[in-house]
Amino acid sequence: MTDNILSAFGSHVKKLRSDRNLSQEKLALICGLDRTYISGIERGTRNVSLLNIAKVAEALAVSPSELFQFGDDNVE
């Protein structure tokens, strides 16, 4: 189940980033994180800390809770 949550979270972050026409590099720069870290989030291989969730949310101009609004259909 944890892998499904990470994957669903990552897919949602990727969608939000793409909707804003941001590259992984640009998002990483805004967040103060490495591009490979953003890539890991989007692939569902990173267990993201609360502080980094807040950084990503701020960079995407959404609330941290909005990052978790990816629907239960993606998590089993």
Protein backbone atom coordinates (compact mmCIF):
# COMPACT_ATOMS: atom_id res chain seq x y z
CA MET A 1 0.00 0.00 0.00
CA THR A 2 2.84 2.41 0.79
CA ASP A 3 4.24 2.04 -2.73
CA ASN A 4 0.81 2.82 -4.18
CA ILE A 5 0.52 5.98 -2.08
CA LEU A 6 3.98 7.15 -3.11
CA SER A 7 3.22 6.42 -6.74
CA ALA A 8 -0.16 8.21 -6.65
CA PHE A 9 1.37 11.18 -4.84
CA GLY A 10 4.19 11.36 -7.39
CA SER A 11 1.83 11.16 -10.34
CA HIS A 12 -0.23 14.00 -8.90
CA VAL A 13 2.85 16.17 -8.34
CA LYS A 14 3.90 15.48 -11.93
CA LYS A 15 0.46 16.48 -13.23
CA LEU A 16 0.45 19.71 -11.22
CA ARG A 17 3.98 20.52 -12.41
CA SER A 18 3.09 19.82 -16.03
CA ASP A 19 -0.11 21.89 -15.76
CA ARG A 20 2.12 24.82 -14.78
CA ASN A 21 4.56 24.20 -17.64
CA LEU A 22 7.43 23.68 -15.22
CA SER A 23 10.32 21.35 -15.91
CA GLN A 24 11.64 19.16 -13.11
CA GLU A 25 14.74 21.35 -13.12
CA LYS A 26 12.74 24.56 -12.70
CA LEU A 27 10.56 23.09 -9.94
CA ALA A 28 13.67 21.83 -8.15
CA LEU A 29 15.27 25.27 -8.38
CA ILE A 30 12.18 26.97 -6.94
CA CYS A 31 11.98 24.40 -4.12
CA GLY A 32 15.68 24.42 -3.35
CA LEU A 33 15.86 20.70 -4.03
CA ASP A 34 17.81 18.61 -6.52
CA ARG A 35 16.21 17.65 -9.84
CA THR A 36 16.84 13.98 -9.10
CA TYR A 37 14.85 14.37 -5.87
CA ILE A 38 11.88 15.75 -7.84
CA SER A 39 12.25 12.89 -10.30
CA GLY A 40 12.19 10.41 -7.41
CA ILE A 41 9.02 11.99 -6.03
CA GLU A 42 7.31 11.74 -9.41
CA ARG A 43 8.39 8.11 -9.88
CA GLY A 44 7.12 7.21 -6.42
CA THR A 45 10.51 6.15 -5.13
CA ARG A 46 10.95 8.96 -2.56
CA ASN A 47 9.26 9.05 0.82
CA VAL A 48 8.98 12.83 1.00
CA SER A 49 9.39 14.68 4.30
CA LEU A 50 6.78 17.15 5.53
CA LEU A 51 9.19 20.04 5.01
CA ASN A 52 9.77 19.07 1.40
CA ILE A 53 6.03 18.57 0.82
CA ALA A 54 5.55 22.16 2.00
CA LYS A 55 8.31 23.37 -0.36
CA VAL A 56 6.80 21.58 -3.34
CA ALA A 57 3.30 22.83 -2.50
CA GLU A 58 4.51 26.41 -2.24
CA ALA A 59 6.39 26.15 -5.53
CA LEU A 60 3.27 24.79 -7.24
CA ALA A 61 1.06 27.46 -5.57
CA VAL A 62 -1.17 24.91 -3.85
CA SER A 63 -1.77 23.99 -0.24
CA PRO A 64 0.10 20.96 1.08
CA SER A 65 -3.23 19.16 1.49
CA GLU A 66 -3.98 19.67 -2.21
CA LEU A 67 -0.97 17.53 -3.05
CA PHE A 68 -2.85 14.62 -1.46
CA GLN A 69 -6.04 15.09 -3.46
CA PHE A 70 -5.25 12.39 -5.98
CA GLY A 71 -8.28 10.22 -5.29
CA ASP A 72 -8.65 6.86 -3.66
CA ASP A 73 -8.88 5.14 -7.05
CA ASN A 74 -5.09 5.41 -7.36
CA VAL A 75 -4.40 3.85 -3.97
CA GLU A 76 -5.26 0.26 -3.12
